[in-house]
């Protein structure tokens, strides 16, 4: 690609934070009218590179060109004036304002509080021009997540963006919403706009993008045409070594003992509003049961109730034949229940403690970690080093703070700790959220090993592809209810329909 065909070009961009080089001479270009994927492991430098392009981060060296002319972005305002817009993973909308008000908020030439009808008409025309289906009069807090994302895109277009950066745009979307977003992006491309598409979902990126650039450890690996690549090729570029894909065989655990039984469970959220409403499900020993669904449908409250940090209003929870409905987290752990939470930093780890202390935090009351109430530091260190080697935790010293490990290695600490005492049941919620391909593959392998050792596994995941791939049985959680997928259902389409509240079809 020649320089004249590049709408935006970054060349030799470098950025260091202390001794850590986040970017080491990275080059990246976006052509007019293309969807360009930017892929890489966690920590590869993707976010830093896009923050440079959007004016949020100043590079130590390197250049930026827009339409062949040198540019310097001191703040996002400069990037926006140059035609670059960014849709962040966490939307920046005012929930109590309408679509039109959010789109035009901050634009001095569009005082919607004076000429509301005219302002709404302009946003409606803009949406129609780019084929974006949205009611401009609706309040944002009444819209589904997928429609809110379209509002963010309209905000960029209203500011005359010619390049849109989308960071993990389908992370919280149903399959149908993701397909609708792909249609919107292709429409933008056909209208001459350019899109940078950042995603961990390789199949999705290959389907949506025209070209894909992979960076690894702050350096360019390659830029390829999506039509000439596949998932194995892109994975090898991202991690630099082979990653064993997990394709677990399906098992039929009918007749196996029940590891988990949930009966007519009712749980309220922090505001006292019902979040789990009459949920019932079973997990048998030696199977993985998947619970799919969009965030915010009661999954967090279900997880809290199973972990013992939120008491249910009604219903029962049985683990390995024991009634643990109102048991404490410690009593559940002693009963052989393990929990992998959705937020390893906030809920899964004690960041101020060492790797070793986190690893033994559920077994420090018994031998060999302690004796007669006295901790045994050498035994704790030895046990932690054994866990480090068995679970491939990348640290030279188990005495270092766990907060200094990468996200993937922190998750390995959680897995090692939980599996070390889990005898009957493992409950995992979004266990690969925020992890790169290699780390996610490791987590999947750990879940399969737990199942194959006879433990029951309940996998609660908002990543539909993950839930489908990993589960022996699967269902959907919506509005606090759980509905298992019937035999013979077209899984992806049917689950997506259930996630949206419709009926499944075989």
Protein backbone atom coordinates (compact mmCIF):
# COMPACT_ATOMS: atom_id res chain seq x y z
CA UNK A 1 0.00 0.00 0.00
CA UNK A 2 1.43 3.39 -0.92
CA UNK A 3 1.49 6.36 1.36
CA UNK A 4 -1.02 8.28 -0.76
CA UNK A 5 -3.62 5.55 -0.27
CA UNK A 6 -3.39 5.76 3.53
CA UNK A 7 -5.92 7.93 5.28
CA UNK A 8 -4.02 7.71 8.58
CA UNK A 9 -0.48 6.44 8.94
CA UNK A 10 1.53 5.92 12.12
CA UNK A 11 5.24 5.26 11.64
CA UNK A 12 7.87 4.09 14.12
CA UNK A 13 5.75 4.88 17.18
CA UNK A 14 7.49 4.20 20.49
CA UNK A 15 6.25 4.63 24.04
CA UNK A 16 7.85 3.51 27.29
CA UNK A 17 6.57 3.54 30.85
CA UNK A 18 9.68 3.36 32.96
CA UNK A 19 11.57 0.24 31.92
CA UNK A 20 8.53 -1.20 30.10
CA UNK A 21 8.38 -0.53 26.37
CA UNK A 22 4.69 -0.58 25.49
CA UNK A 23 5.42 0.31 21.87
CA UNK A 24 8.73 -0.30 20.14
CA UNK A 25 8.69 1.29 16.69
CA UNK A 26 5.18 0.21 15.63
CA UNK A 27 3.81 1.24 12.24
CA UNK A 28 0.14 1.08 11.30
CA UNK A 29 -1.96 2.52 8.49
CA UNK A 30 -5.66 2.76 7.66
CA UNK A 31 -6.82 3.07 4.09
CA UNK A 32 -9.91 4.95 3.03
CA UNK A 33 -12.97 2.72 3.00
CA UNK A 34 -11.62 -0.32 4.84
CA UNK A 35 -12.22 -2.23 8.06
CA UNK A 36 -8.79 -2.88 9.52
CA UNK A 37 -8.42 -5.34 12.40
CA UNK A 38 -5.85 -4.75 15.13
CA UNK A 39 -5.07 -7.92 17.06
CA UNK A 40 -2.60 -9.03 19.69
CA UNK A 41 -2.28 -10.54 23.14
CA UNK A 42 -3.05 -8.58 26.28
CA UNK A 43 -0.20 -6.16 26.78
CA UNK A 44 0.84 -6.30 23.13
CA UNK A 45 0.37 -2.53 22.80
CA UNK A 46 -2.97 -2.30 20.93
CA UNK A 47 -4.64 0.09 23.36
CA UNK A 48 -1.54 2.25 23.72
CA UNK A 49 -1.23 2.53 19.93
CA UNK A 50 -4.86 3.58 19.54
CA UNK A 51 -4.55 6.00 22.44
CA UNK A 52 -1.64 7.60 20.58
CA UNK A 53 -3.77 7.87 17.44
CA UNK A 54 -6.64 9.38 19.43
CA UNK A 55 -4.52 11.89 21.33
CA UNK A 56 -4.85 10.29 24.77
CA UNK A 57 -1.15 9.33 24.92
CA UNK A 58 1.85 11.27 23.65
CA UNK A 59 4.45 9.01 21.96
CA UNK A 60 8.12 9.21 22.84
CA UNK A 61 8.96 9.07 19.14
CA UNK A 62 7.36 8.36 15.78
CA UNK A 63 5.09 10.25 13.42
CA UNK A 64 1.41 10.50 12.56
CA UNK A 65 0.14 11.49 9.12
CA UNK A 66 -3.44 12.25 8.15
CA UNK A 67 -4.13 12.32 4.40
CA UNK A 68 -0.39 12.56 3.79
CA UNK A 69 0.18 15.53 6.11
CA UNK A 70 2.05 15.45 9.41
CA UNK A 71 -0.16 15.72 12.49
CA UNK A 72 0.43 16.14 16.21
CA UNK A 73 -2.31 15.25 18.66
CA UNK A 74 -1.98 16.79 22.12
CA UNK A 75 -5.50 15.75 23.17
CA UNK A 76 -8.52 13.86 21.79
CA UNK A 77 -9.90 17.20 20.57
CA UNK A 78 -7.05 17.40 18.04
CA UNK A 79 -7.76 13.86 16.81
CA UNK A 80 -11.49 14.58 16.50
CA UNK A 81 -10.75 17.72 14.44
CA UNK A 82 -8.58 15.53 12.19
CA UNK A 83 -11.52 13.17 11.61
CA UNK A 84 -10.70 10.39 14.09
CA UNK A 85 -13.39 9.10 16.45
CA UNK A 86 -13.26 6.38 19.09
CA UNK A 87 -15.98 4.13 20.50
CA UNK A 88 -14.72 2.86 23.83
CA UNK A 89 -15.64 -0.54 25.24
CA UNK A 90 -17.45 1.19 28.10
CA UNK A 91 -19.88 3.63 26.53
CA UNK A 92 -19.73 7.33 27.38
CA UNK A 93 -23.40 8.24 27.19
CA UNK A 94 -25.75 10.18 29.48
CA UNK A 95 -28.41 7.57 30.34
CA UNK A 96 -31.20 10.04 31.10
CA UNK A 97 -30.83 11.94 27.83
CA UNK A 98 -32.29 10.99 24.45
CA UNK A 99 -30.35 9.61 21.52
CA UNK A 100 -30.39 12.96 19.73
CA UNK A 101 -29.27 14.82 22.84
CA UNK A 102 -26.35 12.43 23.37
CA UNK A 103 -25.26 12.64 19.74
CA UNK A 104 -25.27 16.44 19.65
CA UNK A 105 -24.06 17.07 23.20
CA UNK A 106 -21.03 19.35 23.07
CA UNK A 107 -21.52 20.50 19.47
CA UNK A 108 -21.86 24.27 19.62
CA UNK A 109 -23.55 24.50 16.24
CA UNK A 110 -26.39 22.23 17.39
CA UNK A 111 -28.11 23.74 20.48
CA UNK A 112 -30.77 21.04 20.85
CA UNK A 113 -32.30 22.81 23.83
CA UNK A 114 -33.38 25.65 21.49
CA UNK A 115 -34.50 23.78 18.38
CA UNK A 116 -35.28 20.27 19.58
CA UNK A 117 -37.25 19.20 16.48
CA UNK A 118 -34.55 20.46 14.14
CA UNK A 119 -31.81 18.75 16.17
CA UNK A 120 -33.69 15.47 16.18
CA UNK A 121 -34.20 15.78 12.42
CA UNK A 122 -30.48 16.18 11.85
CA UNK A 123 -29.61 13.07 13.87
CA UNK A 124 -32.41 11.14 12.15
CA UNK A 125 -31.01 12.14 8.73
CA UNK A 126 -27.51 11.14 9.82
CA UNK A 127 -28.71 7.73 10.98
CA UNK A 128 -30.64 7.22 7.74
CA UNK A 129 -27.60 8.21 5.65
CA UNK A 130 -25.48 5.43 7.16
CA UNK A 131 -28.24 2.84 7.56
CA UNK A 132 -28.22 2.97 11.36
CA UNK A 133 -31.58 1.98 12.81
CA UNK A 134 -32.29 3.94 16.00
CA UNK A 135 -35.16 5.98 17.43
CA UNK A 136 -33.58 9.38 18.09
CA UNK A 137 -36.30 10.36 20.60
CA UNK A 138 -35.72 7.43 22.98
CA UNK A 139 -33.84 7.85 26.25
CA UNK A 140 -30.55 5.98 26.19
CA UNK A 141 -31.27 4.06 29.39
CA UNK A 142 -34.26 2.41 27.69
CA UNK A 143 -32.18 1.05 24.80
CA UNK A 144 -30.51 -2.37 24.45
CA UNK A 145 -26.71 -2.43 24.60
CA UNK A 146 -26.41 -2.98 20.84
CA UNK A 147 -28.45 0.14 20.08
CA UNK A 148 -26.47 2.19 22.62
CA UNK A 149 -23.36 1.25 20.68
CA UNK A 150 -24.92 2.64 17.50
CA UNK A 151 -25.49 5.90 19.37
CA UNK A 152 -21.75 6.03 20.08
CA UNK A 153 -21.05 5.51 16.38
CA UNK A 154 -23.49 8.32 15.51
CA UNK A 155 -21.65 10.60 17.96
CA UNK A 156 -18.46 10.06 15.97
CA UNK A 157 -20.20 10.59 12.63
CA UNK A 158 -21.84 13.79 13.86
CA UNK A 159 -18.32 15.09 14.46
CA UNK A 160 -17.43 14.27 10.86
CA UNK A 161 -15.20 11.33 11.71
CA UNK A 162 -13.69 9.58 8.71
CA UNK A 163 -11.91 6.99 10.88
CA UNK A 164 -13.67 5.18 13.73
CA UNK A 165 -11.78 3.11 16.30
CA UNK A 166 -13.92 0.41 17.97
CA UNK A 167 -12.43 -1.27 21.04
CA UNK A 168 -13.84 -4.79 21.62
CA UNK A 169 -17.17 -3.71 20.11
CA UNK A 170 -18.98 -7.05 20.43
CA UNK A 171 -17.88 -7.99 23.96
CA UNK A 172 -21.37 -7.45 25.41
CA UNK A 173 -23.52 -8.11 22.34
CA UNK A 174 -25.76 -11.05 21.49
CA UNK A 175 -24.98 -12.89 18.22
CA UNK A 176 -27.83 -11.07 16.49
CA UNK A 177 -26.57 -7.69 17.74
CA UNK A 178 -23.04 -8.57 16.62
CA UNK A 179 -24.33 -9.43 13.15
CA UNK A 180 -26.23 -6.13 13.05
CA UNK A 181 -23.07 -4.26 14.05
CA UNK A 182 -21.14 -5.99 11.25
CA UNK A 183 -23.79 -4.78 8.80
CA UNK A 184 -23.43 -1.23 10.13
CA UNK A 185 -19.63 -1.36 9.82
CA UNK A 186 -19.80 -2.63 6.25
CA UNK A 187 -22.21 0.19 5.47
CA UNK A 188 -19.74 2.70 6.88
CA UNK A 189 -16.97 1.18 4.81
CA UNK A 190 -19.07 1.34 1.65
CA UNK A 191 -19.77 5.01 2.39
CA UNK A 192 -16.03 5.71 2.41
CA UNK A 193 -15.44 5.67 6.15
CA UNK A 194 -12.64 3.61 7.71
CA UNK A 195 -12.87 1.44 10.82
CA UNK A 196 -10.19 0.10 13.18
CA UNK A 197 -11.63 -3.07 14.72
CA UNK A 198 -9.97 -4.30 17.94
CA UNK A 199 -11.12 -7.74 19.08
CA UNK A 200 -10.04 -10.95 20.82
CA UNK A 201 -12.54 -12.92 18.72
CA UNK A 202 -10.47 -14.15 15.80
CA UNK A 203 -13.31 -15.65 13.78
CA UNK A 204 -15.26 -12.42 14.06
CA UNK A 205 -12.28 -10.32 12.98
CA UNK A 206 -11.63 -12.56 9.97
CA UNK A 207 -15.27 -12.27 8.95
CA UNK A 208 -15.61 -8.50 9.34
CA UNK A 209 -12.19 -7.09 8.44
CA UNK A 210 -10.52 -6.43 5.09
CA UNK A 211 -6.99 -6.40 6.52
CA UNK A 212 -5.56 -7.46 9.86
CA UNK A 213 -2.46 -6.15 11.63
CA UNK A 214 -0.96 -8.19 14.46
CA UNK A 215 1.38 -6.69 17.03
CA UNK A 216 3.27 -8.61 19.68
CA UNK A 217 5.20 -7.20 22.63
CA UNK A 218 5.02 -3.70 21.22
CA UNK A 219 6.28 -4.59 17.74
CA UNK A 220 4.75 -5.28 14.37
CA UNK A 221 4.41 -8.90 13.36
CA UNK A 222 2.57 -8.66 10.06
CA UNK A 223 -0.31 -7.11 8.15
CA UNK A 224 -2.31 -9.56 6.05
CA UNK A 225 -5.46 -9.61 3.97
CA UNK A 226 -8.21 -11.25 6.02
CA UNK A 227 -9.18 -13.35 3.01
CA UNK A 228 -5.70 -14.93 3.01
CA UNK A 229 -5.61 -15.81 6.73
CA UNK A 230 -7.28 -18.20 9.16
CA UNK A 231 -7.52 -18.50 12.95
CA UNK A 232 -4.48 -20.76 13.25
CA UNK A 233 -2.32 -18.32 11.26
CA UNK A 234 -3.43 -15.30 13.28
CA UNK A 235 -3.00 -17.15 16.59
CA UNK A 236 0.58 -18.10 15.67
CA UNK A 237 1.31 -14.47 14.83
CA UNK A 238 -0.15 -13.27 18.13
CA UNK A 239 1.58 -15.65 20.53
CA UNK A 240 4.67 -16.65 18.59
CA UNK A 241 4.22 -20.31 19.43
CA UNK A 242 1.67 -23.05 19.05
CA UNK A 243 -1.39 -22.86 21.28
CA UNK A 244 -3.34 -26.06 21.69
CA UNK A 245 -6.92 -25.34 20.76
CA UNK A 246 -9.44 -26.80 23.16
CA UNK A 247 -12.18 -28.77 21.42
CA UNK A 248 -13.54 -30.89 24.26
CA UNK A 249 -15.52 -33.97 23.40
CA UNK A 250 -19.11 -33.94 24.59
CA UNK A 251 -20.02 -36.16 27.51
CA UNK A 252 -23.36 -37.50 28.67
CA UNK A 253 -23.45 -37.48 32.45
CA UNK A 254 -26.97 -38.84 32.84
CA UNK A 255 -26.96 -41.13 35.85
CA UNK A 256 -23.90 -39.51 37.44
CA UNK A 257 -24.37 -38.10 40.96
CA UNK A 258 -25.43 -34.46 41.21
CA UNK A 259 -22.57 -32.12 42.06
CA UNK A 260 -24.89 -29.08 42.18
CA UNK A 261 -28.64 -28.74 42.52
CA UNK A 262 -30.32 -25.34 42.48
CA UNK A 263 -34.06 -25.33 43.19
CA UNK A 264 -36.41 -22.37 42.64
CA UNK A 265 -33.73 -19.83 43.61
CA UNK A 266 -34.74 -16.20 44.19
CA UNK A 267 -32.03 -13.56 44.74
CA UNK A 268 -32.32 -9.78 44.99
CA UNK A 269 -29.67 -7.33 43.80
CA UNK A 270 -28.01 -4.66 45.94
CA UNK A 271 -31.08 -2.41 45.53
CA UNK A 272 -33.45 -5.12 46.71
CA UNK A 273 -34.85 -5.68 43.22
CA UNK A 274 -35.37 -9.33 42.18
CA UNK A 275 -32.47 -10.40 39.93
CA UNK A 276 -32.75 -14.21 40.03
CA UNK A 277 -36.35 -15.38 39.83
CA UNK A 278 -37.19 -19.03 40.34
CA UNK A 279 -34.03 -20.43 38.78
CA UNK A 280 -33.50 -24.19 38.81
CA UNK A 281 -30.65 -26.20 37.31
CA UNK A 282 -28.45 -29.21 37.95
CA UNK A 283 -24.81 -30.03 37.28
CA UNK A 284 -23.73 -33.65 37.45
CA UNK A 285 -20.29 -34.97 38.24
CA UNK A 286 -18.13 -35.14 35.13
CA UNK A 287 -19.93 -32.56 32.98
CA UNK A 288 -19.74 -28.88 32.07
CA UNK A 289 -23.04 -27.03 32.11
CA UNK A 290 -22.98 -23.66 30.39
CA UNK A 291 -25.07 -20.64 31.28
CA UNK A 292 -25.02 -18.14 28.41
CA UNK A 293 -26.57 -14.69 28.35
CA UNK A 294 -25.95 -10.98 28.07
CA UNK A 295 -24.49 -9.23 31.13
CA UNK A 296 -27.04 -7.88 33.57
CA UNK A 297 -29.57 -10.72 33.48
CA UNK A 298 -28.91 -11.96 37.00
CA UNK A 299 -25.65 -13.80 36.44
CA UNK A 300 -23.72 -11.76 39.01
CA UNK A 301 -26.39 -12.31 41.67
CA UNK A 302 -26.51 -16.04 40.88
CA UNK A 303 -22.74 -16.23 41.27
CA UNK A 304 -22.87 -14.33 44.57
CA UNK A 305 -25.57 -16.68 45.89
CA UNK A 306 -23.58 -19.76 44.89
CA UNK A 307 -20.42 -18.32 46.46
CA UNK A 308 -22.21 -17.52 49.73
CA UNK A 309 -21.67 -13.75 49.66
CA UNK A 310 -25.34 -12.97 48.98
CA UNK A 311 -28.14 -14.85 50.76
CA UNK A 312 -31.10 -15.88 48.58
CA UNK A 313 -34.61 -14.76 49.39
CA UNK A 314 -35.94 -18.24 48.67
CA UNK A 315 -34.92 -21.55 47.14
CA UNK A 316 -32.17 -24.05 47.85
CA UNK A 317 -28.58 -24.82 46.84
CA UNK A 318 -27.24 -28.34 47.29
CA UNK A 319 -23.59 -29.30 46.67
CA UNK A 320 -22.66 -32.95 46.62
CA UNK A 321 -25.84 -33.78 48.54
CA UNK A 322 -25.33 -31.14 51.25
CA UNK A 323 -27.69 -28.21 51.76
CA UNK A 324 -25.47 -25.13 51.50
CA UNK A 325 -28.20 -22.56 50.87
CA UNK A 326 -27.14 -20.41 53.81
CA UNK A 327 -23.62 -21.67 54.30
CA UNK A 328 -20.69 -19.27 54.54
CA UNK A 329 -18.00 -19.10 51.82
CA UNK A 330 -15.65 -21.01 54.13
CA UNK A 331 -18.23 -23.76 54.70
CA UNK A 332 -18.74 -24.06 50.95
CA UNK A 333 -15.00 -24.36 50.37
CA UNK A 334 -14.76 -27.01 53.07
CA UNK A 335 -17.58 -28.89 51.30
CA UNK A 336 -15.43 -29.14 48.16
CA UNK A 337 -16.80 -26.19 46.20
CA UNK A 338 -14.46 -23.98 44.17
CA UNK A 339 -15.20 -20.53 42.75
CA UNK A 340 -13.52 -18.69 39.85
CA UNK A 341 -15.01 -15.19 39.94
CA UNK A 342 -15.53 -12.81 37.03
CA UNK A 343 -13.21 -10.18 38.54
CA UNK A 344 -9.90 -11.65 39.64
CA UNK A 345 -8.56 -8.33 40.96
CA UNK A 346 -11.58 -7.25 42.99
CA UNK A 347 -12.99 -10.62 44.08
CA UNK A 348 -10.50 -13.37 43.29
CA UNK A 349 -7.21 -12.16 44.73
CA UNK A 350 -5.72 -10.18 47.59
CA UNK A 351 -3.50 -7.82 45.56
CA UNK A 352 -1.41 -6.74 48.55
CA UNK A 353 -0.40 -10.31 49.39
CA UNK A 354 2.24 -12.43 47.71
CA UNK A 355 1.71 -15.08 45.09
CA UNK A 356 2.37 -17.76 47.73
CA UNK A 357 -0.08 -16.26 50.22
CA UNK A 358 -2.81 -16.10 47.59
CA UNK A 359 -2.17 -19.68 46.52
CA UNK A 360 -2.57 -21.09 50.05
CA UNK A 361 -5.33 -18.76 51.22
CA UNK A 362 -7.89 -21.60 51.23
CA UNK A 363 -5.69 -24.22 52.86
CA UNK A 364 -3.56 -22.34 55.38
CA UNK A 365 -5.54 -23.80 58.28
CA UNK A 366 -4.35 -27.34 57.68
CA UNK A 367 -1.16 -29.28 57.08
CA UNK A 368 1.33 -28.71 55.60
CA UNK A 369 0.70 -24.92 55.59
CA UNK A 370 0.14 -24.77 59.35
CA UNK A 371 0.23 -26.83 62.50
CA UNK A 372 -1.74 -26.21 65.68
CA UNK A 373 -2.62 -22.72 64.46
CA UNK A 374 0.96 -21.74 63.55
CA UNK A 375 1.85 -20.99 59.94
CA UNK A 376 4.85 -22.77 58.42
CA UNK A 377 6.49 -20.32 55.95
CA UNK A 378 8.80 -22.88 54.39
CA UNK A 379 5.97 -25.32 53.76
CA UNK A 380 3.84 -22.52 52.31
CA UNK A 381 6.64 -21.48 49.96
CA UNK A 382 7.25 -25.09 48.88
CA UNK A 383 3.56 -25.67 48.18
CA UNK A 384 3.36 -22.41 46.21
CA UNK A 385 6.42 -23.32 44.14
CA UNK A 386 4.83 -26.68 43.32
CA UNK A 387 1.65 -24.92 42.22
CA UNK A 388 3.70 -22.46 40.19
CA UNK A 389 5.35 -25.28 38.28
CA UNK A 390 2.19 -27.36 37.82
CA UNK A 391 0.04 -24.46 36.60
CA UNK A 392 2.78 -22.66 34.65
CA UNK A 393 2.54 -19.42 36.63
CA UNK A 394 5.18 -17.16 35.11
CA UNK A 395 7.03 -15.76 38.10
CA UNK A 396 10.53 -16.34 39.34
CA UNK A 397 9.64 -15.61 42.97
CA UNK A 398 6.42 -16.71 44.69
CA UNK A 399 7.14 -14.08 47.37
CA UNK A 400 6.45 -11.21 44.95
CA UNK A 401 3.10 -9.36 45.16
CA UNK A 402 0.46 -11.06 43.03
CA UNK A 403 -0.53 -7.61 41.70
CA UNK A 404 2.73 -7.51 39.71
CA UNK A 405 1.77 -10.53 37.59
CA UNK A 406 0.12 -10.22 34.19
CA UNK A 407 -3.63 -10.77 33.96
CA UNK A 408 -3.20 -14.26 32.56
CA UNK A 409 -0.84 -15.30 35.32
CA UNK A 410 -3.10 -13.81 37.98
CA UNK A 411 -5.89 -15.98 36.60
CA UNK A 412 -3.61 -19.01 36.83
CA UNK A 413 -3.09 -18.23 40.51
CA UNK A 414 -6.87 -18.22 41.01
CA UNK A 415 -7.25 -21.51 39.11
CA UNK A 416 -4.39 -23.19 40.98
CA UNK A 417 -5.81 -22.16 44.35
CA UNK A 418 -9.38 -23.25 43.53
CA UNK A 419 -8.53 -26.57 41.90
CA UNK A 420 -6.18 -27.48 44.73
CA UNK A 421 -9.14 -28.04 47.06
CA UNK A 422 -12.14 -28.54 44.75
CA UNK A 423 -13.48 -32.04 45.29
CA UNK A 424 -16.93 -31.95 43.72
CA UNK A 425 -17.87 -28.65 42.07
CA UNK A 426 -16.21 -25.80 40.18
CA UNK A 427 -18.22 -22.66 39.40
CA UNK A 428 -16.59 -20.24 36.95
CA UNK A 429 -17.99 -16.92 35.72
CA UNK A 430 -16.40 -15.29 32.66
CA UNK A 431 -13.09 -16.99 33.50
CA UNK A 432 -11.36 -15.75 30.31
CA UNK A 433 -12.63 -12.16 30.30
CA UNK A 434 -9.81 -9.84 29.28
CA UNK A 435 -7.38 -12.68 28.57
CA UNK A 436 -5.48 -13.20 25.34
CA UNK A 437 -5.64 -16.32 23.20
CA UNK A 438 -2.90 -18.26 24.99
CA UNK A 439 -4.16 -17.50 28.50
CA UNK A 440 -7.78 -18.24 27.52
CA UNK A 441 -6.74 -21.60 26.04
CA UNK A 442 -5.02 -22.47 29.31
CA UNK A 443 -8.16 -21.66 31.31
CA UNK A 444 -10.29 -23.79 28.99
CA UNK A 445 -7.90 -26.70 29.38
CA UNK A 446 -8.13 -26.37 33.17
CA UNK A 447 -11.94 -26.54 33.04
CA UNK A 448 -11.84 -29.65 30.86
CA UNK A 449 -9.31 -31.32 33.17
CA UNK A 450 -11.56 -30.61 36.15
CA UNK A 451 -14.51 -32.19 34.35
CA UNK A 452 -12.51 -35.20 33.24
CA UNK A 453 -11.45 -35.79 36.86
CA UNK A 454 -15.11 -36.17 37.78
CA UNK A 455 -15.91 -32.72 39.06
CA UNK A 456 -19.05 -30.90 38.03
CA UNK A 457 -18.37 -27.58 36.29
CA UNK A 458 -20.85 -24.71 36.01
CA UNK A 459 -19.60 -22.20 33.41
CA UNK A 460 -21.39 -18.83 33.43
CA UNK A 461 -20.20 -16.90 30.38
CA UNK A 462 -21.33 -13.88 28.42
CA UNK A 463 -19.09 -15.09 25.57
CA UNK A 464 -21.51 -17.23 23.59
CA UNK A 465 -18.83 -18.93 21.50
CA UNK A 466 -16.98 -19.93 24.67
CA UNK A 467 -20.13 -21.31 26.29
CA UNK A 468 -21.05 -23.32 23.19
CA UNK A 469 -17.55 -24.72 22.72
CA UNK A 470 -17.01 -25.74 26.33
CA UNK A 471 -20.40 -27.03 27.46
CA UNK A 472 -21.87 -30.52 27.48
CA UNK A 473 -25.28 -29.00 28.25
CA UNK A 474 -26.15 -25.36 27.82
CA UNK A 475 -28.91 -22.87 28.44
CA UNK A 476 -29.59 -19.14 28.63
CA UNK A 477 -30.14 -16.83 31.57
CA UNK A 478 -32.44 -13.90 30.82
CA UNK A 479 -34.27 -11.61 33.24
CA UNK A 480 -33.28 -13.87 36.13
CA UNK A 481 -34.67 -17.07 34.59
CA UNK A 482 -32.71 -20.04 33.20
CA UNK A 483 -33.89 -22.03 30.21
CA UNK A 484 -31.91 -25.03 29.01
CA UNK A 485 -31.50 -25.55 25.28
CA UNK A 486 -33.60 -28.48 24.08
CA UNK A 487 -31.94 -31.38 22.21
CA UNK A 488 -31.68 -30.84 18.47
CA UNK A 489 -31.80 -27.04 18.64
CA UNK A 490 -29.65 -25.07 16.19
CA UNK A 491 -27.39 -23.97 19.00
CA UNK A 492 -26.00 -20.56 18.04
CA UNK A 493 -29.13 -19.17 16.42
CA UNK A 494 -31.44 -20.70 19.02
CA UNK A 495 -29.42 -19.47 22.00
CA UNK A 496 -29.19 -16.01 20.49
CA UNK A 497 -32.97 -15.99 20.16
CA UNK A 498 -33.35 -17.05 23.78
CA UNK A 499 -30.94 -14.32 24.83
CA UNK A 500 -33.18 -11.78 23.14
CA UNK A 501 -36.26 -13.22 24.83
CA UNK A 502 -37.71 -15.16 21.92
CA UNK A 503 -38.51 -18.81 21.49
CA UNK A 504 -35.92 -21.33 20.39
CA UNK A 505 -36.34 -23.30 17.20
CA UNK A 506 -35.00 -26.77 16.45
